[in-house]
Amino acid sequence: RKKDRPTVTSFSQADVDGRRIAYIHTDSNHFLDQINFTVSNDQVTIVEQQFFIVIYPNEIGVIIRGAEVVEGGKTVIMTTQLDVEPSRSHVKFFVDEDPRHGDLILKGS
């Protein structure tokens, strides 16, 4: 927590609607955070609510080792050949250009 920022102890739906409440990530070693809060409208109170925040790394370590395939055959691309660090469950690969001499398939799609 930065000492120059005041601690937020409450905020309103109007603050959310007005885009005045924000989250700033301050610990580069953690990739999941949460805000625990109670919601009240002076008549009803709902306790133990959780708002989860997923933090995506601003750098992705990509490990590329390539693959080998027999002419006319196929090979499954495995994590020993293509992998990312640190958070593989939130990373997607976007194909910028299709292979020129074969097809890329996604099983189960």
C-alpha atoms as a PDB file:
ATOM      1  CA  ARG A   1       0.000   0.000   0.000  1.00  0.00           C
ATOM      2  CA  LYS A   2       1.313   3.399  -0.920  1.00  0.00           C
ATOM      3  CA  LYS A   3       1.577   5.733   2.046  1.00  0.00           C
ATOM      4  CA  ASP A   4       0.618   8.774  -0.034  1.00  0.00           C
ATOM      5  CA  ARG A   5      -2.832   7.322  -0.873  1.00  0.00           C
ATOM      6  CA  PRO A   6      -5.685   7.497   1.633  1.00  0.00           C
ATOM      7  CA  THR A   7      -7.281   4.193   2.611  1.00  0.00           C
ATOM      8  CA  VAL A   8     -10.765   3.751   1.145  1.00  0.00           C
ATOM      9  CA  THR A   9     -13.102   2.496   3.874  1.00  0.00           C
ATOM     10  CA  SER A  10     -16.388   2.952   1.989  1.00  0.00           C
ATOM     11  CA  PHE A  11     -17.744   4.017  -1.376  1.00  0.00           C
ATOM     12  CA  SER A  12     -21.158   4.293  -2.973  1.00  0.00           C
ATOM     13  CA  GLN A  13     -22.826   2.993  -6.101  1.00  0.00           C
ATOM     14  CA  ALA A  14     -22.717   6.614  -7.281  1.00  0.00           C
ATOM     15  CA  ASP A  15     -18.907   6.415  -6.985  1.00  0.00           C
ATOM     16  CA  VAL A  16     -18.932   3.297  -9.165  1.00  0.00           C
ATOM     17  CA  ASP A  17     -21.366   4.861 -11.649  1.00  0.00           C
ATOM     18  CA  GLY A  18     -19.215   8.007 -11.764  1.00  0.00           C
ATOM     19  CA  ARG A  19     -16.060   5.936 -12.302  1.00  0.00           C
ATOM     20  CA  ARG A  20     -14.452   7.416  -9.180  1.00  0.00           C
ATOM     21  CA  ILE A  21     -13.374   4.150  -7.549  1.00  0.00           C
ATOM     22  CA  ALA A  22     -10.314   2.385  -8.950  1.00  0.00           C
ATOM     23  CA  TYR A  23      -7.932  -0.449  -8.100  1.00  0.00           C
ATOM     24  CA  ILE A  24      -4.161   0.037  -8.412  1.00  0.00           C
ATOM     25  CA  HIS A  25      -1.976  -3.073  -8.335  1.00  0.00           C
ATOM     26  CA  THR A  26       1.058  -2.543  -6.090  1.00  0.00           C
ATOM     27  CA  ASP A  27       2.613  -6.000  -5.562  1.00  0.00           C
ATOM     28  CA  SER A  28       4.171  -7.483  -8.687  1.00  0.00           C
ATOM     29  CA  ASN A  29       4.476 -10.958  -7.134  1.00  0.00           C
ATOM     30  CA  HIS A  30       0.743 -11.625  -6.863  1.00  0.00           C
ATOM     31  CA  PHE A  31      -1.717 -12.179  -9.703  1.00  0.00           C
ATOM     32  CA  LEU A  32      -5.012 -12.490  -7.850  1.00  0.00           C
ATOM     33  CA  ASP A  33      -6.550 -10.057  -5.386  1.00  0.00           C
ATOM     34  CA  GLN A  34      -9.928  -9.479  -3.820  1.00  0.00           C
ATOM     35  CA  ILE A  35     -11.937  -6.832  -2.045  1.00  0.00           C
ATOM     36  CA  ASN A  36     -14.100  -8.047   0.848  1.00  0.00           C
ATOM     37  CA  PHE A  37     -16.999  -5.789   1.703  1.00  0.00           C
ATOM     38  CA  THR A  38     -20.435  -5.388   3.235  1.00  0.00           C
ATOM     39  CA  VAL A  39     -23.289  -3.825   1.250  1.00  0.00           C
ATOM     40  CA  SER A  40     -25.926  -1.759   3.024  1.00  0.00           C
ATOM     41  CA  ASN A  41     -28.747   0.604   2.089  1.00  0.00           C
ATOM     42  CA  ASP A  42     -29.618   1.486   5.718  1.00  0.00           C
ATOM     43  CA  GLN A  43     -32.483  -1.048   5.636  1.00  0.00           C
ATOM     44  CA  VAL A  44     -30.801  -4.240   4.477  1.00  0.00           C
ATOM     45  CA  THR A  45     -27.184  -5.304   5.032  1.00  0.00           C
ATOM     46  CA  ILE A  46     -25.478  -8.053   3.082  1.00  0.00           C
ATOM     47  CA  VAL A  47     -22.171  -9.169   4.615  1.00  0.00           C
ATOM     48  CA  GLU A  48     -19.158 -11.088   3.326  1.00  0.00           C
ATOM     49  CA  GLN A  49     -19.294 -10.103  -0.331  1.00  0.00           C
ATOM     50  CA  GLN A  50     -16.166 -10.630  -2.445  1.00  0.00           C
ATOM     51  CA  PHE A  51     -15.009  -8.869  -5.584  1.00  0.00           C
ATOM     52  CA  PHE A  52     -12.183 -10.797  -7.279  1.00  0.00           C
ATOM     53  CA  ILE A  53      -9.483  -9.100  -9.343  1.00  0.00           C
ATOM     54  CA  VAL A  54      -7.267 -11.025 -11.768  1.00  0.00           C
ATOM     55  CA  ILE A  55      -3.936  -9.317 -12.403  1.00  0.00           C
ATOM     56  CA  TYR A  56      -2.371 -10.006 -15.777  1.00  0.00           C
ATOM     57  CA  PRO A  57       1.408  -9.778 -15.973  1.00  0.00           C
ATOM     58  CA  ASN A  58       2.695  -6.961 -18.157  1.00  0.00           C
ATOM     59  CA  GLU A  59       5.340  -9.335 -19.440  1.00  0.00           C
ATOM     60  CA  ILE A  60       4.781 -12.899 -20.554  1.00  0.00           C
ATOM     61  CA  GLY A  61       7.704 -15.277 -20.693  1.00  0.00           C
ATOM     62  CA  VAL A  62       7.204 -17.390 -23.797  1.00  0.00           C
ATOM     63  CA  ILE A  63       9.138 -20.627 -24.217  1.00  0.00           C
ATOM     64  CA  ILE A  64       9.271 -21.789 -27.849  1.00  0.00           C
ATOM     65  CA  ARG A  65      11.119 -24.972 -28.724  1.00  0.00           C
ATOM     66  CA  GLY A  66       9.331 -25.859 -31.966  1.00  0.00           C
ATOM     67  CA  ALA A  67       8.095 -29.233 -33.190  1.00  0.00           C
ATOM     68  CA  GLU A  68       9.013 -31.945 -35.678  1.00  0.00           C
ATOM     69  CA  VAL A  69       6.586 -33.861 -37.902  1.00  0.00           C
ATOM     70  CA  VAL A  70       6.930 -36.535 -40.559  1.00  0.00           C
ATOM     71  CA  GLU A  71       5.849 -35.449 -44.045  1.00  0.00           C
ATOM     72  CA  GLY A  72       2.076 -35.926 -44.316  1.00  0.00           C
ATOM     73  CA  GLY A  73       1.802 -36.562 -40.572  1.00  0.00           C
ATOM     74  CA  LYS A  74       0.625 -34.552 -37.611  1.00  0.00           C
ATOM     75  CA  THR A  75       2.032 -33.601 -34.242  1.00  0.00           C
ATOM     76  CA  VAL A  76       0.357 -32.375 -31.076  1.00  0.00           C
ATOM     77  CA  ILE A  77       1.894 -29.163 -29.749  1.00  0.00           C
ATOM     78  CA  MET A  78       2.749 -29.762 -26.085  1.00  0.00           C
ATOM     79  CA  THR A  79       3.925 -27.587 -23.200  1.00  0.00           C
ATOM     80  CA  THR A  80       7.460 -28.929 -23.637  1.00  0.00           C
ATOM     81  CA  GLN A  81       7.436 -27.189 -27.039  1.00  0.00           C
ATOM     82  CA  LEU A  82       5.340 -24.079 -26.335  1.00  0.00           C
ATOM     83  CA  ASP A  83       4.706 -22.654 -22.882  1.00  0.00           C
ATOM     84  CA  VAL A  84       4.197 -19.360 -21.088  1.00  0.00           C
ATOM     85  CA  GLU A  85       5.060 -18.108 -17.640  1.00  0.00           C
ATOM     86  CA  PRO A  86       3.882 -17.182 -15.067  1.00  0.00           C
ATOM     87  CA  SER A  87       0.095 -17.477 -15.488  1.00  0.00           C
ATOM     88  CA  ARG A  88      -0.748 -19.982 -18.202  1.00  0.00           C
ATOM     89  CA  SER A  89      -4.470 -20.255 -17.392  1.00  0.00           C
ATOM     90  CA  HIS A  90      -5.153 -16.647 -18.422  1.00  0.00           C
ATOM     91  CA  VAL A  91      -3.008 -16.514 -21.565  1.00  0.00           C
ATOM     92  CA  LYS A  92      -4.337 -16.919 -25.092  1.00  0.00           C
ATOM     93  CA  PHE A  93      -2.375 -17.296 -28.295  1.00  0.00           C
ATOM     94  CA  PHE A  94      -3.719 -15.306 -31.246  1.00  0.00           C
ATOM     95  CA  VAL A  95      -2.735 -16.608 -34.687  1.00  0.00           C
ATOM     96  CA  ASP A  96      -1.463 -13.692 -36.753  1.00  0.00           C
ATOM     97  CA  GLU A  97      -0.746 -15.757 -39.852  1.00  0.00           C
ATOM     98  CA  ASP A  98      -1.836 -19.277 -40.757  1.00  0.00           C
ATOM     99  CA  PRO A  99       0.849 -21.861 -41.505  1.00  0.00           C
ATOM    100  CA  ARG A 100       1.679 -21.939 -45.225  1.00  0.00           C
ATOM    101  CA  HIS A 101       2.338 -25.674 -45.585  1.00  0.00           C
ATOM    102  CA  GLY A 102      -0.176 -27.250 -43.219  1.00  0.00           C
ATOM    103  CA  ASP A 103      -3.206 -26.613 -41.029  1.00  0.00           C
ATOM    104  CA  LEU A 104      -3.530 -25.671 -37.385  1.00  0.00           C
ATOM    105  CA  ILE A 105      -6.446 -27.486 -35.751  1.00  0.00           C
ATOM    106  CA  LEU A 106      -7.977 -27.177 -32.291  1.00  0.00           C
ATOM    107  CA  LYS A 107      -9.346 -30.499 -31.032  1.00  0.00           C
ATOM    108  CA  GLY A 108     -12.829 -30.332 -29.551  1.00  0.00           C
ATOM    109  CA  SER A 109     -13.852 -27.167 -31.405  1.00  0.00           C
END
